[in-house]
Amino acid sequence: MTGEPALRLTVFIGENDTWHRKPLSAEIVHRAHRAGLAGASVFRGVEGYGSSSLIHTSRLLSLGEDLPMAVVIIDTEERVRSFLPELEEIVGDGLVVVDPVEIVHPRRQAR
């Protein structure tokens, strides 16, 4: 199976991060949609820590707030790179990672 080269854009943020009183993850997804990117998914972590070094976990009720989240977008290099300035405007303490991936379209076999 051969694939197509692409980029994966992952934005690591906190569950409580907002942009104009709206969840930051939703803002990123809506901006990606408006920019015509192929798709975006938001994943909620069960445990993690970032630049603050505070561990956030869903296992302890008192610390179950502001869990880590990842917004993942995969598209062509041109589209992903042209979207990066949008993130510079809205992602404060988050982390933005871009890495090369290969998109593989498995052939469906007739049954």
N, C-alpha and C. Protein backbone atom coordinates (compact mmCIF):
# COMPACT_ATOMS: atom_id res chain seq x y z
N MET A 1 0.84 -1.18 0.00
CA MET A 1 0.00 0.00 0.00
C MET A 1 0.89 1.25 0.00
N THR A 2 0.63 2.12 -0.90
CA THR A 2 1.37 3.38 -0.92
C THR A 2 0.44 4.50 -0.49
N GLY A 3 1.04 5.49 0.14
CA GLY A 3 0.24 6.59 0.66
C GLY A 3 0.65 7.92 0.09
N GLU A 4 -0.11 8.92 0.48
CA GLU A 4 0.15 10.29 0.07
C GLU A 4 0.80 11.04 1.22
N PRO A 5 1.83 11.86 0.94
CA PRO A 5 2.43 12.64 2.02
C PRO A 5 1.46 13.73 2.51
N ALA A 6 1.49 13.96 3.79
CA ALA A 6 0.64 14.99 4.40
C ALA A 6 1.31 15.45 5.68
N LEU A 7 0.68 16.42 6.33
CA LEU A 7 1.14 16.87 7.65
C LEU A 7 0.04 16.66 8.67
N ARG A 8 0.46 16.30 9.88
CA ARG A 8 -0.47 16.22 11.01
C ARG A 8 -0.18 17.40 11.92
N LEU A 9 -1.20 18.18 12.16
CA LEU A 9 -1.11 19.33 13.05
C LEU A 9 -1.82 18.95 14.34
N THR A 10 -1.10 18.99 15.44
CA THR A 10 -1.69 18.68 16.74
C THR A 10 -1.53 19.89 17.65
N VAL A 11 -2.63 20.32 18.22
CA VAL A 11 -2.62 21.46 19.14
C VAL A 11 -2.98 20.93 20.52
N PHE A 12 -2.06 21.03 21.45
CA PHE A 12 -2.28 20.59 22.83
C PHE A 12 -2.70 21.80 23.66
N ILE A 13 -3.87 21.70 24.26
CA ILE A 13 -4.42 22.79 25.06
C ILE A 13 -5.07 22.20 26.31
N GLY A 14 -5.59 23.07 27.16
CA GLY A 14 -6.33 22.63 28.33
C GLY A 14 -7.82 22.71 28.08
N GLU A 15 -8.56 21.88 28.75
CA GLU A 15 -10.01 21.84 28.60
C GLU A 15 -10.67 23.18 28.93
N ASN A 16 -10.07 23.94 29.84
CA ASN A 16 -10.65 25.22 30.24
C ASN A 16 -10.17 26.40 29.41
N ASP A 17 -9.31 26.18 28.44
CA ASP A 17 -8.83 27.27 27.60
C ASP A 17 -9.98 27.79 26.73
N THR A 18 -10.09 29.11 26.66
CA THR A 18 -11.19 29.71 25.90
C THR A 18 -10.68 30.78 24.95
N TRP A 19 -11.53 31.12 23.99
CA TRP A 19 -11.31 32.24 23.08
C TRP A 19 -12.64 32.97 23.01
N HIS A 20 -12.68 34.19 23.55
CA HIS A 20 -13.91 34.99 23.60
C HIS A 20 -15.06 34.20 24.21
N ARG A 21 -14.81 33.62 25.39
CA ARG A 21 -15.79 32.87 26.19
C ARG A 21 -16.29 31.59 25.53
N LYS A 22 -15.61 31.13 24.52
CA LYS A 22 -15.99 29.91 23.81
C LYS A 22 -14.84 28.92 23.99
N PRO A 23 -15.12 27.62 24.11
CA PRO A 23 -14.01 26.67 24.26
C PRO A 23 -13.00 26.80 23.11
N LEU A 24 -11.73 26.87 23.45
CA LEU A 24 -10.69 27.04 22.44
C LEU A 24 -10.69 25.88 21.44
N SER A 25 -10.95 24.67 21.91
CA SER A 25 -10.97 23.53 20.99
C SER A 25 -12.04 23.73 19.91
N ALA A 26 -13.21 24.22 20.29
CA ALA A 26 -14.27 24.48 19.32
C ALA A 26 -13.87 25.59 18.35
N GLU A 27 -13.21 26.61 18.85
CA GLU A 27 -12.76 27.70 17.98
C GLU A 27 -11.78 27.19 16.93
N ILE A 28 -10.85 26.32 17.35
CA ILE A 28 -9.87 25.77 16.41
C ILE A 28 -10.59 24.93 15.35
N VAL A 29 -11.52 24.08 15.77
CA VAL A 29 -12.26 23.24 14.82
C VAL A 29 -13.04 24.10 13.82
N HIS A 30 -13.73 25.12 14.31
CA HIS A 30 -14.52 25.97 13.42
C HIS A 30 -13.63 26.75 12.44
N ARG A 31 -12.49 27.22 12.92
CA ARG A 31 -11.57 27.92 12.02
C ARG A 31 -10.99 26.97 10.98
N ALA A 32 -10.68 25.74 11.39
CA ALA A 32 -10.17 24.74 10.44
C ALA A 32 -11.22 24.44 9.37
N HIS A 33 -12.46 24.34 9.79
CA HIS A 33 -13.56 24.09 8.84
C HIS A 33 -13.69 25.24 7.85
N ARG A 34 -13.68 26.48 8.36
CA ARG A 34 -13.77 27.65 7.48
C ARG A 34 -12.59 27.73 6.52
N ALA A 35 -11.42 27.25 6.97
CA ALA A 35 -10.22 27.30 6.13
C ALA A 35 -10.22 26.18 5.08
N GLY A 36 -11.20 25.29 5.15
CA GLY A 36 -11.29 24.23 4.15
C GLY A 36 -10.37 23.04 4.40
N LEU A 37 -9.90 22.90 5.64
CA LEU A 37 -9.04 21.75 5.93
C LEU A 37 -9.87 20.46 5.89
N ALA A 38 -9.20 19.35 5.61
CA ALA A 38 -9.88 18.07 5.38
C ALA A 38 -10.71 17.61 6.57
N GLY A 39 -10.28 17.88 7.79
CA GLY A 39 -11.02 17.46 8.96
C GLY A 39 -10.26 17.78 10.22
N ALA A 40 -10.96 17.76 11.33
CA ALA A 40 -10.35 18.03 12.63
C ALA A 40 -11.06 17.18 13.68
N SER A 41 -10.30 16.67 14.63
CA SER A 41 -10.86 15.89 15.73
C SER A 41 -10.30 16.40 17.04
N VAL A 42 -11.13 16.37 18.07
CA VAL A 42 -10.71 16.80 19.40
C VAL A 42 -10.70 15.58 20.31
N PHE A 43 -9.58 15.39 21.02
CA PHE A 43 -9.43 14.28 21.94
C PHE A 43 -9.21 14.82 23.35
N ARG A 44 -9.94 14.25 24.30
CA ARG A 44 -9.82 14.68 25.70
C ARG A 44 -8.95 13.66 26.44
N GLY A 45 -7.91 14.15 27.07
CA GLY A 45 -7.01 13.28 27.81
C GLY A 45 -7.56 12.93 29.18
N VAL A 46 -7.08 11.83 29.72
CA VAL A 46 -7.49 11.44 31.07
C VAL A 46 -6.48 11.87 32.11
N GLU A 47 -5.27 12.21 31.65
CA GLU A 47 -4.24 12.65 32.58
C GLU A 47 -3.13 13.32 31.79
N GLY A 48 -2.48 14.30 32.39
CA GLY A 48 -1.35 14.95 31.73
C GLY A 48 -0.88 16.18 32.49
N TYR A 49 0.21 16.74 32.01
CA TYR A 49 0.71 18.01 32.56
C TYR A 49 1.41 18.75 31.44
N GLY A 50 1.54 20.04 31.63
CA GLY A 50 2.17 20.89 30.62
C GLY A 50 3.19 21.79 31.25
N SER A 51 3.29 23.00 30.73
CA SER A 51 4.32 23.94 31.17
C SER A 51 4.19 24.31 32.65
N SER A 52 2.99 24.18 33.22
CA SER A 52 2.80 24.51 34.64
C SER A 52 3.34 23.42 35.56
N SER A 53 3.60 22.24 35.02
CA SER A 53 4.05 21.06 35.77
C SER A 53 3.01 20.53 36.75
N LEU A 54 1.79 21.04 36.70
CA LEU A 54 0.70 20.51 37.52
C LEU A 54 0.09 19.32 36.79
N ILE A 55 -0.07 18.20 37.49
CA ILE A 55 -0.69 17.04 36.87
C ILE A 55 -2.21 17.16 36.98
N HIS A 56 -2.87 17.06 35.85
CA HIS A 56 -4.33 17.10 35.79
C HIS A 56 -4.78 15.68 35.47
N THR A 57 -5.73 15.19 36.25
CA THR A 57 -6.19 13.82 36.04
C THR A 57 -7.68 13.72 36.27
N SER A 58 -8.31 12.78 35.60
CA SER A 58 -9.74 12.55 35.81
C SER A 58 -9.97 11.59 36.96
N ARG A 59 -8.91 11.03 37.52
CA ARG A 59 -9.05 10.06 38.60
C ARG A 59 -9.33 10.69 39.95
N LEU A 60 -8.91 11.91 40.17
CA LEU A 60 -9.15 12.58 41.44
C LEU A 60 -10.15 13.71 41.21
N LEU A 61 -11.22 13.70 41.97
CA LEU A 61 -12.25 14.70 41.75
C LEU A 61 -11.73 16.13 41.87
N SER A 62 -10.87 16.40 42.82
CA SER A 62 -10.41 17.76 43.03
C SER A 62 -9.48 18.25 41.92
N LEU A 63 -8.83 17.32 41.22
CA LEU A 63 -7.90 17.72 40.16
C LEU A 63 -8.44 17.41 38.78
N GLY A 64 -9.71 16.97 38.68
CA GLY A 64 -10.27 16.56 37.41
C GLY A 64 -10.67 17.70 36.50
N GLU A 65 -10.25 18.89 36.83
CA GLU A 65 -10.59 20.04 36.01
C GLU A 65 -9.44 20.37 35.07
N ASP A 66 -9.76 21.02 33.99
CA ASP A 66 -8.77 21.46 33.00
C ASP A 66 -7.92 20.30 32.48
N LEU A 67 -8.59 19.23 32.08
CA LEU A 67 -7.88 18.08 31.54
C LEU A 67 -7.22 18.44 30.21
N PRO A 68 -6.18 17.71 29.84
CA PRO A 68 -5.50 18.00 28.58
C PRO A 68 -6.39 17.63 27.39
N MET A 69 -6.25 18.40 26.32
CA MET A 69 -6.99 18.13 25.09
C MET A 69 -6.02 18.24 23.92
N ALA A 70 -6.32 17.49 22.88
CA ALA A 70 -5.53 17.57 21.65
C ALA A 70 -6.48 17.74 20.48
N VAL A 71 -6.22 18.75 19.66
CA VAL A 71 -6.97 18.94 18.42
C VAL A 71 -6.04 18.47 17.30
N VAL A 72 -6.50 17.50 16.52
CA VAL A 72 -5.67 16.91 15.47
C VAL A 72 -6.28 17.20 14.11
N ILE A 73 -5.43 17.71 13.21
CA ILE A 73 -5.84 18.03 11.85
C ILE A 73 -4.81 17.42 10.91
N ILE A 74 -5.27 16.73 9.87
CA ILE A 74 -4.36 16.17 8.87
C ILE A 74 -4.79 16.65 7.50
N ASP A 75 -3.83 17.21 6.76
CA ASP A 75 -4.11 17.70 5.41
C ASP A 75 -2.79 17.86 4.68
N THR A 76 -2.84 18.44 3.51
CA THR A 76 -1.63 18.66 2.73
C THR A 76 -0.72 19.65 3.45
N GLU A 77 0.55 19.61 3.10
CA GLU A 77 1.49 20.53 3.73
C GLU A 77 1.09 21.98 3.49
N GLU A 78 0.70 22.30 2.28
CA GLU A 78 0.32 23.67 1.94
C GLU A 78 -0.85 24.16 2.80
N ARG A 79 -1.87 23.35 2.95
CA ARG A 79 -3.04 23.76 3.73
C ARG A 79 -2.73 23.89 5.21
N VAL A 80 -1.98 22.93 5.74
CA VAL A 80 -1.64 22.98 7.17
C VAL A 80 -0.79 24.20 7.46
N ARG A 81 0.24 24.43 6.65
CA ARG A 81 1.13 25.58 6.91
C ARG A 81 0.40 26.90 6.75
N SER A 82 -0.55 26.98 5.84
CA SER A 82 -1.29 28.23 5.68
C SER A 82 -2.26 28.48 6.84
N PHE A 83 -2.57 27.43 7.61
CA PHE A 83 -3.47 27.56 8.76
C PHE A 83 -2.73 27.99 10.03
N LEU A 84 -1.43 27.80 10.07
CA LEU A 84 -0.66 28.10 11.29
C LEU A 84 -0.83 29.53 11.80
N PRO A 85 -0.87 30.56 10.94
CA PRO A 85 -1.08 31.92 11.47
C PRO A 85 -2.38 32.08 12.25
N GLU A 86 -3.42 31.32 11.88
CA GLU A 86 -4.68 31.36 12.64
C GLU A 86 -4.45 30.93 14.08
N LEU A 87 -3.59 29.92 14.26
CA LEU A 87 -3.33 29.40 15.60
C LEU A 87 -2.48 30.36 16.42
N GLU A 88 -1.55 31.05 15.77
CA GLU A 88 -0.71 32.02 16.48
C GLU A 88 -1.56 33.06 17.19
N GLU A 89 -2.67 33.40 16.57
CA GLU A 89 -3.56 34.42 17.12
C GLU A 89 -4.30 33.94 18.37
N ILE A 90 -4.64 32.65 18.45
CA ILE A 90 -5.57 32.20 19.49
C ILE A 90 -4.98 31.23 20.51
N VAL A 91 -3.89 30.55 20.20
CA VAL A 91 -3.32 29.56 21.13
C VAL A 91 -2.27 30.25 21.98
N GLY A 92 -2.57 30.43 23.26
CA GLY A 92 -1.65 31.11 24.17
C GLY A 92 -0.59 30.18 24.71
N ASP A 93 -0.92 29.49 25.80
CA ASP A 93 0.03 28.59 26.46
C ASP A 93 0.05 27.20 25.86
N GLY A 94 -0.72 26.97 24.83
CA GLY A 94 -0.78 25.65 24.22
C GLY A 94 0.49 25.33 23.45
N LEU A 95 0.54 24.13 22.96
CA LEU A 95 1.68 23.66 22.19
C LEU A 95 1.18 23.22 20.83
N VAL A 96 1.82 23.68 19.77
CA VAL A 96 1.45 23.33 18.40
C VAL A 96 2.58 22.48 17.82
N VAL A 97 2.22 21.29 17.32
CA VAL A 97 3.20 20.36 16.76
C VAL A 97 2.78 20.02 15.34
N VAL A 98 3.74 20.04 14.42
CA VAL A 98 3.50 19.64 13.04
C VAL A 98 4.48 18.52 12.71
N ASP A 99 3.94 17.40 12.23
CA ASP A 99 4.82 16.31 11.85
C ASP A 99 4.34 15.64 10.57
N PRO A 100 5.29 15.10 9.79
CA PRO A 100 4.93 14.47 8.52
C PRO A 100 4.24 13.13 8.76
N VAL A 101 3.23 12.85 7.96
CA VAL A 101 2.53 11.57 8.01
C VAL A 101 2.29 11.09 6.59
N GLU A 102 1.83 9.88 6.47
CA GLU A 102 1.48 9.32 5.18
C GLU A 102 0.03 8.86 5.25
N ILE A 103 -0.79 9.35 4.34
CA ILE A 103 -2.20 8.96 4.30
C ILE A 103 -2.32 7.73 3.41
N VAL A 104 -2.85 6.67 3.98
CA VAL A 104 -3.00 5.42 3.25
C VAL A 104 -4.49 5.14 3.09
N HIS A 105 -4.90 4.88 1.88
CA HIS A 105 -6.30 4.56 1.60
C HIS A 105 -6.38 3.06 1.29
N PRO A 106 -6.70 2.25 2.29
CA PRO A 106 -6.79 0.81 2.01
C PRO A 106 -7.89 0.51 1.01
N ARG A 107 -7.61 -0.38 0.12
CA ARG A 107 -8.61 -0.77 -0.88
C ARG A 107 -9.63 -1.66 -0.22
N ARG A 108 -10.88 -1.39 -0.50
CA ARG A 108 -11.93 -2.23 0.03
C ARG A 108 -12.03 -3.47 -0.85
N GLN A 109 -12.05 -4.60 -0.22
CA GLN A 109 -12.13 -5.85 -0.97
C GLN A 109 -13.58 -6.27 -1.09
N ALA A 110 -13.91 -6.78 -2.25
CA ALA A 110 -15.28 -7.27 -2.48
C ALA A 110 -15.50 -8.52 -1.65
N ARG A 111 -16.70 -8.63 -1.11
CA ARG A 111 -17.03 -9.81 -0.28
C ARG A 111 -17.78 -10.83 -1.09
